[in-house]
mmCIF file of all heavy atoms, coordinates in Angstrom:
data_MODEL
# 
_entry.id   MODEL 
# 
loop_
_atom_site.group_PDB 
_atom_site.id 
_atom_site.type_symbol 
_atom_site.label_atom_id 
_atom_site.label_alt_id 
_atom_site.label_comp_id 
_atom_site.label_asym_id 
_atom_site.label_entity_id 
_atom_site.label_seq_id 
_atom_site.pdbx_PDB_ins_code 
_atom_site.Cartn_x 
_atom_site.Cartn_y 
_atom_site.Cartn_z 
_atom_site.occupancy 
_atom_site.B_iso_or_equiv 
_atom_site.pdbx_formal_charge 
_atom_site.auth_seq_id 
_atom_site.auth_comp_id 
_atom_site.auth_asym_id 
_atom_site.auth_atom_id 
_atom_site.pdbx_PDB_model_num 
ATOM 1   N N   . CYS A 1 1  ? 0.830  -1.212  0.000   1.00 0.00 ? 1  CYS A N   1 
ATOM 2   C CA  . CYS A 1 1  ? 0.000  0.000   0.000   1.00 0.00 ? 1  CYS A CA  1 
ATOM 3   C C   . CYS A 1 1  ? 0.859  1.254   0.000   1.00 0.00 ? 1  CYS A C   1 
ATOM 4   O O   . CYS A 1 1  ? 2.016  1.249   0.400   1.00 0.00 ? 1  CYS A O   1 
ATOM 5   C CB  . CYS A 1 1  ? -0.938 0.006   1.195   1.00 0.00 ? 1  CYS A CB  1 
ATOM 6   S SG  . CYS A 1 1  ? -0.079 0.078   2.774   1.00 0.00 ? 1  CYS A SG  1 
ATOM 7   N N   . LEU A 1 2  ? 0.244  2.323   -0.475  1.00 0.00 ? 2  LEU A N   1 
ATOM 8   C CA  . LEU A 1 2  ? 0.816  3.656   -0.407  1.00 0.00 ? 2  LEU A CA  1 
ATOM 9   C C   . LEU A 1 2  ? -0.150 4.478   0.435   1.00 0.00 ? 2  LEU A C   1 
ATOM 10  O O   . LEU A 1 2  ? -1.357 4.449   0.184   1.00 0.00 ? 2  LEU A O   1 
ATOM 11  C CB  . LEU A 1 2  ? 0.931  4.272   -1.803  1.00 0.00 ? 2  LEU A CB  1 
ATOM 12  C CG  . LEU A 1 2  ? 1.794  3.506   -2.794  1.00 0.00 ? 2  LEU A CG  1 
ATOM 13  C CD1 . LEU A 1 2  ? 1.608  4.064   -4.190  1.00 0.00 ? 2  LEU A CD1 1 
ATOM 14  C CD2 . LEU A 1 2  ? 3.244  3.594   -2.381  1.00 0.00 ? 2  LEU A CD2 1 
ATOM 15  N N   . ARG A 1 3  ? 0.365  5.199   1.425   1.00 0.00 ? 3  ARG A N   1 
ATOM 16  C CA  . ARG A 1 3  ? -0.518 5.957   2.308   1.00 0.00 ? 3  ARG A CA  1 
ATOM 17  C C   . ARG A 1 3  ? -0.288 7.452   2.121   1.00 0.00 ? 3  ARG A C   1 
ATOM 18  O O   . ARG A 1 3  ? 0.847  7.923   2.164   1.00 0.00 ? 3  ARG A O   1 
ATOM 19  C CB  . ARG A 1 3  ? -0.268 5.555   3.755   1.00 0.00 ? 3  ARG A CB  1 
ATOM 20  C CG  . ARG A 1 3  ? -0.666 4.113   4.047   1.00 0.00 ? 3  ARG A CG  1 
ATOM 21  C CD  . ARG A 1 3  ? -0.379 3.725   5.479   1.00 0.00 ? 3  ARG A CD  1 
ATOM 22  N NE  . ARG A 1 3  ? 1.025  3.493   5.749   1.00 0.00 ? 3  ARG A NE  1 
ATOM 23  C CZ  . ARG A 1 3  ? 1.656  2.331   5.579   1.00 0.00 ? 3  ARG A CZ  1 
ATOM 24  N NH1 . ARG A 1 3  ? 0.991  1.292   5.117   1.00 0.00 ? 3  ARG A NH1 1 
ATOM 25  N NH2 . ARG A 1 3  ? 2.928  2.208   5.877   1.00 0.00 ? 3  ARG A NH2 1 
ATOM 26  N N   . TYR A 1 4  ? -1.395 8.169   1.920   1.00 0.00 ? 4  TYR A N   1 
ATOM 27  C CA  . TYR A 1 4  ? -1.367 9.623   1.802   1.00 0.00 ? 4  TYR A CA  1 
ATOM 28  C C   . TYR A 1 4  ? -2.414 10.195  2.744   1.00 0.00 ? 4  TYR A C   1 
ATOM 29  O O   . TYR A 1 4  ? -3.505 9.650   2.867   1.00 0.00 ? 4  TYR A O   1 
ATOM 30  C CB  . TYR A 1 4  ? -1.673 10.059  0.358   1.00 0.00 ? 4  TYR A CB  1 
ATOM 31  C CG  . TYR A 1 4  ? -0.607 9.621   -0.615  1.00 0.00 ? 4  TYR A CG  1 
ATOM 32  C CD1 . TYR A 1 4  ? -0.727 8.443   -1.328  1.00 0.00 ? 4  TYR A CD1 1 
ATOM 33  C CD2 . TYR A 1 4  ? 0.541  10.384  -0.787  1.00 0.00 ? 4  TYR A CD2 1 
ATOM 34  C CE1 . TYR A 1 4  ? 0.262  8.030   -2.204  1.00 0.00 ? 4  TYR A CE1 1 
ATOM 35  C CE2 . TYR A 1 4  ? 1.538  9.984   -1.662  1.00 0.00 ? 4  TYR A CE2 1 
ATOM 36  C CZ  . TYR A 1 4  ? 1.387  8.802   -2.368  1.00 0.00 ? 4  TYR A CZ  1 
ATOM 37  O OH  . TYR A 1 4  ? 2.375  8.400   -3.230  1.00 0.00 ? 4  TYR A OH  1 
ATOM 38  N N   . LYS A 1 5  ? -2.082 11.304  3.388   1.00 0.00 ? 5  LYS A N   1 
ATOM 39  C CA  . LYS A 1 5  ? -3.012 11.917  4.341   1.00 0.00 ? 5  LYS A CA  1 
ATOM 40  C C   . LYS A 1 5  ? -4.059 12.766  3.645   1.00 0.00 ? 5  LYS A C   1 
ATOM 41  O O   . LYS A 1 5  ? -5.178 12.884  4.115   1.00 0.00 ? 5  LYS A O   1 
ATOM 42  C CB  . LYS A 1 5  ? -2.248 12.752  5.366   1.00 0.00 ? 5  LYS A CB  1 
ATOM 43  C CG  . LYS A 1 5  ? -1.381 11.876  6.247   1.00 0.00 ? 5  LYS A CG  1 
ATOM 44  C CD  . LYS A 1 5  ? -0.708 12.653  7.327   1.00 0.00 ? 5  LYS A CD  1 
ATOM 45  C CE  . LYS A 1 5  ? 0.218  11.691  8.060   1.00 0.00 ? 5  LYS A CE  1 
ATOM 46  N NZ  . LYS A 1 5  ? 0.250  11.816  9.447   1.00 0.00 ? 5  LYS A NZ  1 
ATOM 47  N N   . LYS A 1 6  ? -3.689 13.376  2.514   1.00 0.00 ? 6  LYS A N   1 
ATOM 48  C CA  . LYS A 1 6  ? -4.617 14.246  1.796   1.00 0.00 ? 6  LYS A CA  1 
ATOM 49  C C   . LYS A 1 6  ? -4.658 13.853  0.322   1.00 0.00 ? 6  LYS A C   1 
ATOM 50  O O   . LYS A 1 6  ? -3.610 13.543  -0.269  1.00 0.00 ? 6  LYS A O   1 
ATOM 51  C CB  . LYS A 1 6  ? -4.151 15.702  1.889   1.00 0.00 ? 6  LYS A CB  1 
ATOM 52  C CG  . LYS A 1 6  ? -4.102 16.248  3.291   1.00 0.00 ? 6  LYS A CG  1 
ATOM 53  C CD  . LYS A 1 6  ? -3.570 17.657  3.280   1.00 0.00 ? 6  LYS A CD  1 
ATOM 54  C CE  . LYS A 1 6  ? -3.402 18.171  4.698   1.00 0.00 ? 6  LYS A CE  1 
ATOM 55  N NZ  . LYS A 1 6  ? -2.758 19.490  4.698   1.00 0.00 ? 6  LYS A NZ  1 
ATOM 56  N N   . PRO A 1 7  ? -5.827 13.886  -0.288  1.00 0.00 ? 7  PRO A N   1 
ATOM 57  C CA  . PRO A 1 7  ? -5.933 13.527  -1.713  1.00 0.00 ? 7  PRO A CA  1 
ATOM 58  C C   . PRO A 1 7  ? -5.040 14.390  -2.616  1.00 0.00 ? 7  PRO A C   1 
ATOM 59  O O   . PRO A 1 7  ? -4.511 13.899  -3.603  1.00 0.00 ? 7  PRO A O   1 
ATOM 60  C CB  . PRO A 1 7  ? -7.406 13.748  -2.044  1.00 0.00 ? 7  PRO A CB  1 
ATOM 61  C CG  . PRO A 1 7  ? -8.111 13.673  -0.740  1.00 0.00 ? 7  PRO A CG  1 
ATOM 62  C CD  . PRO A 1 7  ? -7.137 14.172  0.290   1.00 0.00 ? 7  PRO A CD  1 
ATOM 63  N N   . GLU A 1 8  ? -4.856 15.650  -2.250  1.00 0.00 ? 8  GLU A N   1 
ATOM 64  C CA  . GLU A 1 8  ? -4.029 16.519  -3.095  1.00 0.00 ? 8  GLU A CA  1 
ATOM 65  C C   . GLU A 1 8  ? -2.539 16.156  -3.038  1.00 0.00 ? 8  GLU A C   1 
ATOM 66  O O   . GLU A 1 8  ? -1.748 16.620  -3.853  1.00 0.00 ? 8  GLU A O   1 
ATOM 67  C CB  . GLU A 1 8  ? -4.234 17.998  -2.757  1.00 0.00 ? 8  GLU A CB  1 
ATOM 68  C CG  . GLU A 1 8  ? -3.973 18.366  -1.328  1.00 0.00 ? 8  GLU A CG  1 
ATOM 69  C CD  . GLU A 1 8  ? -5.205 18.284  -0.419  1.00 0.00 ? 8  GLU A CD  1 
ATOM 70  O OE1 . GLU A 1 8  ? -6.234 17.707  -0.795  1.00 0.00 ? 8  GLU A OE1 1 
ATOM 71  O OE2 . GLU A 1 8  ? -5.110 18.822  0.687   1.00 0.00 ? 8  GLU A OE2 1 
ATOM 72  N N   . ASP A 1 9  ? -2.144 15.305  -2.111  1.00 0.00 ? 9  ASP A N   1 
ATOM 73  C CA  . ASP A 1 9  ? -0.754 14.858  -2.011  1.00 0.00 ? 9  ASP A CA  1 
ATOM 74  C C   . ASP A 1 9  ? -0.451 13.669  -2.929  1.00 0.00 ? 9  ASP A C   1 
ATOM 75  O O   . ASP A 1 9  ? 0.710  13.302  -3.104  1.00 0.00 ? 9  ASP A O   1 
ATOM 76  C CB  . ASP A 1 9  ? -0.423 14.429  -0.569  1.00 0.00 ? 9  ASP A CB  1 
ATOM 77  C CG  . ASP A 1 9  ? -0.446 15.585  0.409   1.00 0.00 ? 9  ASP A CG  1 
ATOM 78  O OD1 . ASP A 1 9  ? -0.369 16.752  -0.037  1.00 0.00 ? 9  ASP A OD1 1 
ATOM 79  O OD2 . ASP A 1 9  ? -0.539 15.315  1.613   1.00 0.00 ? 9  ASP A OD2 1 
ATOM 80  N N   . ILE A 1 10 ? -1.468 13.069  -3.503  1.00 0.00 ? 10 ILE A N   1 
ATOM 81  C CA  . ILE A 1 10 ? -1.293 11.848  -4.302  1.00 0.00 ? 10 ILE A CA  1 
ATOM 82  C C   . ILE A 1 10 ? -0.765 12.197  -5.699  1.00 0.00 ? 10 ILE A C   1 
ATOM 83  O O   . ILE A 1 10 ? -1.400 12.958  -6.423  1.00 0.00 ? 10 ILE A O   1 
ATOM 84  C CB  . ILE A 1 10 ? -2.620 11.079  -4.429  1.00 0.00 ? 10 ILE A CB  1 
ATOM 85  C CG1 . ILE A 1 10 ? -3.147 10.706  -3.044  1.00 0.00 ? 10 ILE A CG1 1 
ATOM 86  C CG2 . ILE A 1 10 ? -2.431 9.832   -5.300  1.00 0.00 ? 10 ILE A CG2 1 
ATOM 87  C CD1 . ILE A 1 10 ? -4.541 10.132  -3.044  1.00 0.00 ? 10 ILE A CD1 1 
ATOM 88  N N   . PRO A 1 11 ? 0.379  11.642  -6.099  1.00 0.00 ? 11 PRO A N   1 
ATOM 89  C CA  . PRO A 1 11 ? 0.899  11.865  -7.458  1.00 0.00 ? 11 PRO A CA  1 
ATOM 90  C C   . PRO A 1 11 ? 0.248  10.875  -8.435  1.00 0.00 ? 11 PRO A C   1 
ATOM 91  O O   . PRO A 1 11 ? 0.814  9.832   -8.770  1.00 0.00 ? 11 PRO A O   1 
ATOM 92  C CB  . PRO A 1 11 ? 2.404  11.629  -7.304  1.00 0.00 ? 11 PRO A CB  1 
ATOM 93  C CG  . PRO A 1 11 ? 2.501  10.635  -6.192  1.00 0.00 ? 11 PRO A CG  1 
ATOM 94  C CD  . PRO A 1 11 ? 1.345  10.937  -5.272  1.00 0.00 ? 11 PRO A CD  1 
ATOM 95  N N   . TYR A 1 12 ? -0.954 11.206  -8.872  1.00 0.00 ? 12 TYR A N   1 
ATOM 96  C CA  . TYR A 1 12 ? -1.748 10.282  -9.692  1.00 0.00 ? 12 TYR A CA  1 
ATOM 97  C C   . TYR A 1 12 ? -1.020 9.830   -10.959 1.00 0.00 ? 12 TYR A C   1 
ATOM 98  O O   . TYR A 1 12 ? -1.085 8.658   -11.330 1.00 0.00 ? 12 TYR A O   1 
ATOM 99  C CB  . TYR A 1 12 ? -3.093 10.909  -10.066 1.00 0.00 ? 12 TYR A CB  1 
ATOM 100 C CG  . TYR A 1 12 ? -4.021 11.054  -8.893  1.00 0.00 ? 12 TYR A CG  1 
ATOM 101 C CD1 . TYR A 1 12 ? -4.215 12.292  -8.289  1.00 0.00 ? 12 TYR A CD1 1 
ATOM 102 C CD2 . TYR A 1 12 ? -4.689 9.956   -8.376  1.00 0.00 ? 12 TYR A CD2 1 
ATOM 103 C CE1 . TYR A 1 12 ? -5.058 12.427  -7.195  1.00 0.00 ? 12 TYR A CE1 1 
ATOM 104 C CE2 . TYR A 1 12 ? -5.532 10.078  -7.289  1.00 0.00 ? 12 TYR A CE2 1 
ATOM 105 C CZ  . TYR A 1 12 ? -5.719 11.325  -6.707  1.00 0.00 ? 12 TYR A CZ  1 
ATOM 106 O OH  . TYR A 1 12 ? -6.547 11.448  -5.628  1.00 0.00 ? 12 TYR A OH  1 
ATOM 107 N N   . GLU A 1 13 ? -0.341 10.751  -11.636 1.00 0.00 ? 13 GLU A N   1 
ATOM 108 C CA  . GLU A 1 13 ? 0.358  10.379  -12.870 1.00 0.00 ? 13 GLU A CA  1 
ATOM 109 C C   . GLU A 1 13 ? 1.460  9.359   -12.589 1.00 0.00 ? 13 GLU A C   1 
ATOM 110 O O   . GLU A 1 13 ? 1.649  8.413   -13.352 1.00 0.00 ? 13 GLU A O   1 
ATOM 111 C CB  . GLU A 1 13 ? 0.935  11.610  -13.552 1.00 0.00 ? 13 GLU A CB  1 
ATOM 112 C CG  . GLU A 1 13 ? -0.131 12.485  -14.176 1.00 0.00 ? 13 GLU A CG  1 
ATOM 113 C CD  . GLU A 1 13 ? 0.449  13.673  -14.929 1.00 0.00 ? 13 GLU A CD  1 
ATOM 114 O OE1 . GLU A 1 13 ? 1.633  13.612  -15.327 1.00 0.00 ? 13 GLU A OE1 1 
ATOM 115 O OE2 . GLU A 1 13 ? -0.284 14.642  -15.119 1.00 0.00 ? 13 GLU A OE2 1 
ATOM 116 N N   . LEU A 1 14 ? 2.175  9.534   -11.497 1.00 0.00 ? 14 LEU A N   1 
ATOM 117 C CA  . LEU A 1 14 ? 3.234  8.612   -11.137 1.00 0.00 ? 14 LEU A CA  1 
ATOM 118 C C   . LEU A 1 14 ? 2.670  7.229   -10.800 1.00 0.00 ? 14 LEU A C   1 
ATOM 119 O O   . LEU A 1 14 ? 3.214  6.210   -11.222 1.00 0.00 ? 14 LEU A O   1 
ATOM 120 C CB  . LEU A 1 14 ? 4.037  9.149   -9.951  1.00 0.00 ? 14 LEU A CB  1 
ATOM 121 C CG  . LEU A 1 14 ? 5.186  8.269   -9.471  1.00 0.00 ? 14 LEU A CG  1 
ATOM 122 C CD1 . LEU A 1 14 ? 6.213  8.061   -10.576 1.00 0.00 ? 14 LEU A CD1 1 
ATOM 123 C CD2 . LEU A 1 14 ? 5.829  8.868   -8.243  1.00 0.00 ? 14 LEU A CD2 1 
ATOM 124 N N   . ILE A 1 15 ? 1.568  7.197   -10.093 1.00 0.00 ? 15 ILE A N   1 
ATOM 125 C CA  . ILE A 1 15 ? 0.945  5.914   -9.757  1.00 0.00 ? 15 ILE A CA  1 
ATOM 126 C C   . ILE A 1 15 ? 0.427  5.229   -11.022 1.00 0.00 ? 15 ILE A C   1 
ATOM 127 O O   . ILE A 1 15 ? 0.529  4.019   -11.170 1.00 0.00 ? 15 ILE A O   1 
ATOM 128 C CB  . ILE A 1 15 ? -0.154 6.102   -8.696  1.00 0.00 ? 15 ILE A CB  1 
ATOM 129 C CG1 . ILE A 1 15 ? 0.521  6.520   -7.384  1.00 0.00 ? 15 ILE A CG1 1 
ATOM 130 C CG2 . ILE A 1 15 ? -0.969 4.828   -8.513  1.00 0.00 ? 15 ILE A CG2 1 
ATOM 131 C CD1 . ILE A 1 15 ? -0.414 6.910   -6.282  1.00 0.00 ? 15 ILE A CD1 1 
ATOM 132 N N   . GLY A 1 16 ? -0.088 6.018   -11.954 1.00 0.00 ? 16 GLY A N   1 
ATOM 133 C CA  . GLY A 1 16 ? -0.508 5.464   -13.243 1.00 0.00 ? 16 GLY A CA  1 
ATOM 134 C C   . GLY A 1 16 ? 0.662  4.872   -14.007 1.00 0.00 ? 16 GLY A C   1 
ATOM 135 O O   . GLY A 1 16 ? 0.550  3.798   -14.607 1.00 0.00 ? 16 GLY A O   1 
ATOM 136 N N   . GLU A 1 17 ? 1.792  5.559   -13.973 1.00 0.00 ? 17 GLU A N   1 
ATOM 137 C CA  . GLU A 1 17 ? 2.988  5.045   -14.634 1.00 0.00 ? 17 GLU A CA  1 
ATOM 138 C C   . GLU A 1 17 ? 3.451  3.748   -13.975 1.00 0.00 ? 17 GLU A C   1 
ATOM 139 O O   . GLU A 1 17 ? 3.836  2.795   -14.651 1.00 0.00 ? 17 GLU A O   1 
ATOM 140 C CB  . GLU A 1 17 ? 4.103  6.089   -14.589 1.00 0.00 ? 17 GLU A CB  1 
ATOM 141 C CG  . GLU A 1 17 ? 5.310  5.724   -15.395 1.00 0.00 ? 17 GLU A CG  1 
ATOM 142 C CD  . GLU A 1 17 ? 6.374  6.806   -15.416 1.00 0.00 ? 17 GLU A CD  1 
ATOM 143 O OE1 . GLU A 1 17 ? 6.098  7.949   -15.019 1.00 0.00 ? 17 GLU A OE1 1 
ATOM 144 O OE2 . GLU A 1 17 ? 7.502  6.489   -15.836 1.00 0.00 ? 17 GLU A OE2 1 
ATOM 145 N N   . LEU A 1 18 ? 3.393  3.706   -12.657 1.00 0.00 ? 18 LEU A N   1 
ATOM 146 C CA  . LEU A 1 18 ? 3.754  2.489   -11.926 1.00 0.00 ? 18 LEU A CA  1 
ATOM 147 C C   . LEU A 1 18 ? 2.858  1.325   -12.339 1.00 0.00 ? 18 LEU A C   1 
ATOM 148 O O   . LEU A 1 18 ? 3.339  0.227   -12.617 1.00 0.00 ? 18 LEU A O   1 
ATOM 149 C CB  . LEU A 1 18 ? 3.642  2.724   -10.420 1.00 0.00 ? 18 LEU A CB  1 
ATOM 150 C CG  . LEU A 1 18 ? 3.844  1.513   -9.514  1.00 0.00 ? 18 LEU A CG  1 
ATOM 151 C CD1 . LEU A 1 18 ? 5.261  0.973   -9.653  1.00 0.00 ? 18 LEU A CD1 1 
ATOM 152 C CD2 . LEU A 1 18 ? 3.545  1.878   -8.064  1.00 0.00 ? 18 LEU A CD2 1 
ATOM 153 N N   . ALA A 1 19 ? 1.558  1.576   -12.420 1.00 0.00 ? 19 ALA A N   1 
ATOM 154 C CA  . ALA A 1 19 ? 0.607  0.519   -12.792 1.00 0.00 ? 19 ALA A CA  1 
ATOM 155 C C   . ALA A 1 19 ? 0.862  0.021   -14.219 1.00 0.00 ? 19 ALA A C   1 
ATOM 156 O O   . ALA A 1 19 ? 0.652  -1.159  -14.509 1.00 0.00 ? 19 ALA A O   1 
ATOM 157 C CB  . ALA A 1 19 ? -0.818 1.024   -12.658 1.00 0.00 ? 19 ALA A CB  1 
ATOM 158 N N   . SER A 1 20 ? 1.347  0.891   -15.081 1.00 0.00 ? 20 SER A N   1 
ATOM 159 C CA  . SER A 1 20 ? 1.578  0.488   -16.473 1.00 0.00 ? 20 SER A CA  1 
ATOM 160 C C   . SER A 1 20 ? 2.860  -0.327  -16.641 1.00 0.00 ? 20 SER A C   1 
ATOM 161 O O   . SER A 1 20 ? 3.095  -0.904  -17.694 1.00 0.00 ? 20 SER A O   1 
ATOM 162 C CB  . SER A 1 20 ? 1.626  1.716   -17.382 1.00 0.00 ? 20 SER A CB  1 
ATOM 163 O OG  . SER A 1 20 ? 2.819  2.453   -17.158 1.00 0.00 ? 20 SER A OG  1 
ATOM 164 N N   . LYS A 1 21 ? 3.687  -0.387  -15.624 1.00 0.00 ? 21 LYS A N   1 
ATOM 165 C CA  . LYS A 1 21 ? 4.952  -1.115  -15.721 1.00 0.00 ? 21 LYS A CA  1 
ATOM 166 C C   . LYS A 1 21 ? 4.814  -2.613  -15.476 1.00 0.00 ? 21 LYS A C   1 
ATOM 167 O O   . LYS A 1 21 ? 5.754  -3.359  -15.724 1.00 0.00 ? 21 LYS A O   1 
ATOM 168 C CB  . LYS A 1 21 ? 5.982  -0.524  -14.762 1.00 0.00 ? 21 LYS A CB  1 
ATOM 169 C CG  . LYS A 1 21 ? 6.461  0.863   -15.196 1.00 0.00 ? 21 LYS A CG  1 
ATOM 170 C CD  . LYS A 1 21 ? 7.570  1.352   -14.329 1.00 0.00 ? 21 LYS A CD  1 
ATOM 171 C CE  . LYS A 1 21 ? 8.111  2.666   -14.821 1.00 0.00 ? 21 LYS A CE  1 
ATOM 172 N NZ  . LYS A 1 21 ? 8.983  2.536   -15.988 1.00 0.00 ? 21 LYS A NZ  1 
ATOM 173 N N   . LEU A 1 22 ? 3.668  -3.051  -14.987 1.00 0.00 ? 22 LEU A N   1 
ATOM 174 C CA  . LEU A 1 22 ? 3.413  -4.474  -14.760 1.00 0.00 ? 22 LEU A CA  1 
ATOM 175 C C   . LEU A 1 22 ? 2.142  -4.892  -15.478 1.00 0.00 ? 22 LEU A C   1 
ATOM 176 O O   . LEU A 1 22 ? 1.134  -4.200  -15.398 1.00 0.00 ? 22 LEU A O   1 
ATOM 177 C CB  . LEU A 1 22 ? 3.194  -4.762  -13.269 1.00 0.00 ? 22 LEU A CB  1 
ATOM 178 C CG  . LEU A 1 22 ? 4.382  -4.938  -12.364 1.00 0.00 ? 22 LEU A CG  1 
ATOM 179 C CD1 . LEU A 1 22 ? 3.918  -5.190  -10.946 1.00 0.00 ? 22 LEU A CD1 1 
ATOM 180 C CD2 . LEU A 1 22 ? 5.272  -6.059  -12.812 1.00 0.00 ? 22 LEU A CD2 1 
ATOM 181 N N   . THR A 1 23 ? 2.190  -6.032  -16.137 1.00 0.00 ? 23 THR A N   1 
ATOM 182 C CA  . THR A 1 23 ? 0.964  -6.565  -16.718 1.00 0.00 ? 23 THR A CA  1 
ATOM 183 C C   . THR A 1 23 ? 0.187  -7.269  -15.609 1.00 0.00 ? 23 THR A C   1 
ATOM 184 O O   . THR A 1 23 ? 0.772  -7.642  -14.581 1.00 0.00 ? 23 THR A O   1 
ATOM 185 C CB  . THR A 1 23 ? 1.270  -7.591  -17.831 1.00 0.00 ? 23 THR A CB  1 
ATOM 186 O OG1 . THR A 1 23 ? 1.899  -8.730  -17.237 1.00 0.00 ? 23 THR A OG1 1 
ATOM 187 C CG2 . THR A 1 23 ? 2.137  -7.002  -18.920 1.00 0.00 ? 23 THR A CG2 1 
ATOM 188 N N   . PRO A 1 24 ? -1.117 -7.469  -15.786 1.00 0.00 ? 24 PRO A N   1 
ATOM 189 C CA  . PRO A 1 24 ? -1.866 -8.214  -14.770 1.00 0.00 ? 24 PRO A CA  1 
ATOM 190 C C   . PRO A 1 24 ? -1.262 -9.597  -14.504 1.00 0.00 ? 24 PRO A C   1 
ATOM 191 O O   . PRO A 1 24 ? -1.187 -10.028 -13.360 1.00 0.00 ? 24 PRO A O   1 
ATOM 192 C CB  . PRO A 1 24 ? -3.275 -8.321  -15.371 1.00 0.00 ? 24 PRO A CB  1 
ATOM 193 C CG  . PRO A 1 24 ? -3.386 -7.110  -16.232 1.00 0.00 ? 24 PRO A CG  1 
ATOM 194 C CD  . PRO A 1 24 ? -2.005 -6.922  -16.803 1.00 0.00 ? 24 PRO A CD  1 
ATOM 195 N N   . GLN A 1 25 ? -0.786 -10.271 -15.546 1.00 0.00 ? 25 GLN A N   1 
ATOM 196 C CA  . GLN A 1 25 ? -0.207 -11.598 -15.351 1.00 0.00 ? 25 GLN A CA  1 
ATOM 197 C C   . GLN A 1 25 ? 1.082  -11.535 -14.528 1.00 0.00 ? 25 GLN A C   1 
ATOM 198 O O   . GLN A 1 25 ? 1.320  -12.376 -13.671 1.00 0.00 ? 25 GLN A O   1 
ATOM 199 C CB  . GLN A 1 25 ? 0.064  -12.285 -16.690 1.00 0.00 ? 25 GLN A CB  1 
ATOM 200 C CG  . GLN A 1 25 ? 0.488  -13.740 -16.523 1.00 0.00 ? 25 GLN A CG  1 
ATOM 201 C CD  . GLN A 1 25 ? -0.549 -14.575 -15.750 1.00 0.00 ? 25 GLN A CD  1 
ATOM 202 O OE1 . GLN A 1 25 ? -1.713 -14.616 -16.115 1.00 0.00 ? 25 GLN A OE1 1 
ATOM 203 N NE2 . GLN A 1 25 ? -0.118 -15.230 -14.687 1.00 0.00 ? 25 GLN A NE2 1 
ATOM 204 N N   . GLN A 1 26 ? 1.896  -10.512 -14.756 1.00 0.00 ? 26 GLN A N   1 
ATOM 205 C CA  . GLN A 1 26 ? 3.116  -10.354 -13.957 1.00 0.00 ? 26 GLN A CA  1 
ATOM 206 C C   . GLN A 1 26 ? 2.758  -10.143 -12.485 1.00 0.00 ? 26 GLN A C   1 
ATOM 207 O O   . GLN A 1 26 ? 3.408  -10.690 -11.594 1.00 0.00 ? 26 GLN A O   1 
ATOM 208 C CB  . GLN A 1 26 ? 3.945  -9.167  -14.449 1.00 0.00 ? 26 GLN A CB  1 
ATOM 209 C CG  . GLN A 1 26 ? 4.641  -9.408  -15.766 1.00 0.00 ? 26 GLN A CG  1 
ATOM 210 C CD  . GLN A 1 26 ? 5.267  -8.148  -16.305 1.00 0.00 ? 26 GLN A CD  1 
ATOM 211 O OE1 . GLN A 1 26 ? 4.663  -7.077  -16.305 1.00 0.00 ? 26 GLN A OE1 1 
ATOM 212 N NE2 . GLN A 1 26 ? 6.496  -8.264  -16.785 1.00 0.00 ? 26 GLN A NE2 1 
ATOM 213 N N   . TRP A 1 27 ? 1.737  -9.320  -12.233 1.00 0.00 ? 27 TRP A N   1 
ATOM 214 C CA  . TRP A 1 27 ? 1.307  -9.070  -10.856 1.00 0.00 ? 27 TRP A CA  1 
ATOM 215 C C   . TRP A 1 27 ? 0.818  -10.369 -10.196 1.00 0.00 ? 27 TRP A C   1 
ATOM 216 O O   . TRP A 1 27 ? 1.156  -10.668 -9.056  1.00 0.00 ? 27 TRP A O   1 
ATOM 217 C CB  . TRP A 1 27 ? 0.215  -8.009  -10.815 1.00 0.00 ? 27 TRP A CB  1 
ATOM 218 C CG  . TRP A 1 27 ? -0.302 -7.793  -9.435  1.00 0.00 ? 27 TRP A CG  1 
ATOM 219 C CD1 . TRP A 1 27 ? -1.512 -8.161  -8.944  1.00 0.00 ? 27 TRP A CD1 1 
ATOM 220 C CD2 . TRP A 1 27 ? 0.395  -7.202  -8.336  1.00 0.00 ? 27 TRP A CD2 1 
ATOM 221 N NE1 . TRP A 1 27 ? -1.604 -7.827  -7.616  1.00 0.00 ? 27 TRP A NE1 1 
ATOM 222 C CE2 . TRP A 1 27 ? -0.456 -7.237  -7.211  1.00 0.00 ? 27 TRP A CE2 1 
ATOM 223 C CE3 . TRP A 1 27 ? 1.657  -6.647  -8.192  1.00 0.00 ? 27 TRP A CE3 1 
ATOM 224 C CZ2 . TRP A 1 27 ? -0.083 -6.735  -5.972  1.00 0.00 ? 27 TRP A CZ2 1 
ATOM 225 C CZ3 . TRP A 1 27 ? 2.020  -6.138  -6.959  1.00 0.00 ? 27 TRP A CZ3 1 
ATOM 226 C CH2 . TRP A 1 27 ? 1.150  -6.195  -5.869  1.00 0.00 ? 27 TRP A CH2 1 
ATOM 227 N N   . ILE A 1 28 ? 0.039  -11.144 -10.927 1.00 0.00 ? 28 ILE A N   1 
ATOM 228 C CA  . ILE A 1 28 ? -0.464 -12.420 -10.406 1.00 0.00 ? 28 ILE A CA  1 
ATOM 229 C C   . ILE A 1 28 ? 0.709  -13.352 -10.096 1.00 0.00 ? 28 ILE A C   1 
ATOM 230 O O   . ILE A 1 28 ? 0.728  -14.004 -9.048  1.00 0.00 ? 28 ILE A O   1 
ATOM 231 C CB  . ILE A 1 28 ? -1.444 -13.066 -11.406 1.00 0.00 ? 28 ILE A CB  1 
ATOM 232 C CG1 . ILE A 1 28 ? -2.735 -12.245 -11.464 1.00 0.00 ? 28 ILE A CG1 1 
ATOM 233 C CG2 . ILE A 1 28 ? -1.736 -14.518 -11.032 1.00 0.00 ? 28 ILE A CG2 1 
ATOM 234 C CD1 . ILE A 1 28 ? -3.650 -12.608 -12.617 1.00 0.00 ? 28 ILE A CD1 1 
# 
């Protein structure tokens, strides 16, 4: 998990980039 205290602190683009680096099968 990643924990943020405020929604405005979340780097959404970076998290999206992180999610794109693994395929669902790799995660499984």
